[in-house]
Amino acid sequence: QVQLQESGGGSVQAGGSLRLSCLVSKPSRRSKYCMGWLRQAPGKEREGVAAISDDGHPTYVDSVKGRFTISYDNAKNTLYLQMDSLKPEDTATFYCAADTSSGGVCYAVGGLFWWNHRGQGTQVTVSH
């Protein structure tokens, strides 16, 4: 069973930056997952923000392209989301998520990517 633990949320002014981290505990070092980040703002549906396949191919939702960067450090088993030029509309709870069934490929099913496990979330608040 994969375990996901996010950190790095906080409050920042518009135009600022934050980096989210997600420590990934895999049952086997050979496990291959699609990894990604979701977010959910108050009163809105949860949406996929960024995803990265096991071979390192990233995808992004249009609203964050050019501002967010997803990456995975295999040595540290940690997923990152570097968020620059933050906007108030980025305010949300961010979740680390994984698809453990795809062999590392990210499938766009029901959104940016399919996922079947997620962490508890970390809050990101961007003020004007």
Protein backbone atom coordinates (compact mmCIF):
# COMPACT_ATOMS: atom_id res chain seq x y z
CA GLN A 1 0.00 0.00 0.00
CA VAL A 2 1.47 3.32 -1.06
CA GLN A 3 1.56 6.13 1.50
CA LEU A 4 1.66 9.79 0.54
CA GLN A 5 2.55 12.67 2.88
CA GLU A 6 2.43 16.26 1.69
CA SER A 7 4.26 19.25 3.13
CA GLY A 8 5.17 22.78 2.13
CA GLY A 9 1.84 24.56 2.01
CA GLY A 10 1.37 28.00 3.47
CA SER A 11 0.34 31.57 2.81
CA VAL A 12 1.92 33.83 0.22
CA GLN A 13 1.13 37.04 -1.57
CA ALA A 14 0.15 37.09 -5.22
CA GLY A 15 3.19 36.76 -7.43
CA GLY A 16 5.05 34.72 -4.85
CA SER A 17 6.27 31.13 -4.89
CA LEU A 18 5.83 27.95 -2.89
CA ARG A 19 7.19 24.44 -3.25
CA LEU A 20 5.10 21.48 -2.22
CA SER A 21 6.68 18.15 -1.38
CA CYS A 22 5.19 14.69 -1.12
CA LEU A 23 7.08 11.84 0.49
CA VAL A 24 6.12 8.63 -1.28
CA SER A 25 6.37 5.33 0.56
CA LYS A 26 6.13 2.50 -1.94
CA PRO A 27 5.67 -1.15 -1.00
CA SER A 28 8.45 -2.00 -3.49
CA ARG A 29 11.26 0.10 -4.94
CA ARG A 30 10.40 -1.35 -8.34
CA SER A 31 6.82 -0.08 -8.23
CA LYS A 32 6.01 2.32 -11.04
CA TYR A 33 3.32 4.92 -10.57
CA CYS A 34 1.84 7.91 -12.29
CA MET A 35 2.22 10.69 -9.69
CA GLY A 36 0.49 14.02 -9.55
CA TRP A 37 -1.08 16.87 -7.69
CA LEU A 38 -4.75 17.65 -7.22
CA ARG A 39 -6.32 20.74 -5.74
CA GLN A 40 -9.70 21.63 -4.39
CA ALA A 41 -10.84 25.17 -3.72
CA PRO A 42 -13.83 25.91 -1.48
CA GLY A 43 -17.05 25.30 -3.35
CA LYS A 44 -15.28 23.84 -6.37
CA GLU A 45 -14.65 20.36 -7.65
CA ARG A 46 -11.30 18.70 -7.13
CA GLU A 47 -9.10 19.00 -10.23
CA GLY A 48 -5.84 17.54 -11.42
CA VAL A 49 -3.16 20.22 -11.63
CA ALA A 50 -0.04 18.39 -12.75
CA ALA A 51 1.07 14.82 -13.32
CA ILE A 52 4.30 13.04 -14.12
CA SER A 53 4.77 9.57 -15.54
CA ASP A 54 7.35 7.12 -14.30
CA ASP A 55 9.60 8.02 -17.24
CA GLY A 56 9.43 11.70 -16.29
CA HIS A 57 6.90 13.08 -18.77
CA PRO A 58 4.94 15.96 -17.19
CA THR A 59 1.46 17.23 -18.02
CA TYR A 60 -0.33 20.30 -16.67
CA VAL A 61 -3.78 21.77 -16.61
CA ASP A 62 -3.92 24.88 -18.80
CA SER A 63 -4.40 27.28 -15.89
CA VAL A 64 -0.96 26.49 -14.42
CA LYS A 65 1.15 25.97 -17.54
CA GLY A 66 4.26 28.12 -17.41
CA ARG A 67 3.86 28.76 -13.67
CA PHE A 68 4.00 25.31 -12.01
CA THR A 69 6.64 22.63 -12.41
CA ILE A 70 6.23 19.02 -11.29
CA SER A 71 9.21 16.79 -10.64
CA TYR A 72 10.13 13.54 -8.91
CA ASP A 73 13.37 12.76 -7.10
CA ASN A 74 13.87 9.00 -7.22
CA ALA A 75 16.70 9.07 -4.71
CA LYS A 76 14.51 10.80 -2.14
CA ASN A 77 11.20 9.19 -3.17
CA THR A 78 9.73 12.66 -3.18
CA LEU A 79 7.34 14.37 -5.55
CA TYR A 80 7.55 18.15 -5.86
CA LEU A 81 5.38 20.93 -7.18
CA GLN A 82 7.18 24.22 -7.67
CA MET A 83 4.58 26.96 -7.88
CA ASP A 84 5.64 30.39 -9.17
CA SER A 85 3.68 33.53 -10.04
CA LEU A 86 0.93 32.41 -7.70
CA LYS A 87 -2.51 33.96 -8.07
CA PRO A 88 -5.35 34.28 -5.56
CA GLU A 89 -7.33 31.79 -7.63
CA ASP A 90 -4.65 29.18 -6.85
CA THR A 91 -5.88 29.15 -3.24
CA ALA A 92 -6.89 25.57 -2.47
CA THR A 93 -6.06 22.41 -0.59
CA PHE A 94 -3.44 20.55 -2.60
CA TYR A 95 -3.22 16.78 -2.56
CA CYS A 96 -0.49 14.44 -3.69
CA ALA A 97 -1.96 11.57 -5.66
CA ALA A 98 -0.86 8.36 -7.34
CA ASP A 99 -2.17 5.84 -9.81
CA THR A 100 -0.71 2.54 -8.66
CA SER A 101 -2.42 0.49 -11.35
CA SER A 102 -0.98 1.90 -14.58
CA GLY A 103 2.61 0.72 -14.51
CA GLY A 104 3.80 4.34 -14.44
CA VAL A 105 1.75 5.70 -17.36
CA CYS A 106 -0.55 8.66 -16.72
CA TYR A 107 -3.99 8.17 -18.21
CA ALA A 108 -6.29 11.16 -18.62
CA VAL A 109 -9.48 9.56 -17.33
CA GLY A 110 -12.02 11.84 -15.69
CA GLY A 111 -9.57 14.72 -15.61
CA LEU A 112 -5.87 15.44 -16.04
CA PHE A 113 -4.85 12.04 -14.72
CA TRP A 114 -6.39 8.96 -13.12
CA TRP A 115 -5.51 8.37 -9.49
CA ASN A 116 -6.45 5.81 -6.86
CA HIS A 117 -4.53 7.00 -3.80
CA ARG A 118 -4.08 10.45 -2.35
CA GLY A 119 -2.59 12.12 0.72
CA GLN A 120 -4.29 14.18 3.39
CA GLY A 121 -3.63 17.50 1.71
CA THR A 122 -1.84 20.76 2.43
CA GLN A 123 -3.37 24.22 2.33
CA VAL A 124 -2.12 26.91 -0.03
CA THR A 125 -3.46 30.43 0.42
CA VAL A 126 -2.59 33.25 -1.96
CA SER A 127 -3.59 36.77 -0.95
CA HIS A 128 -3.97 39.87 -3.09
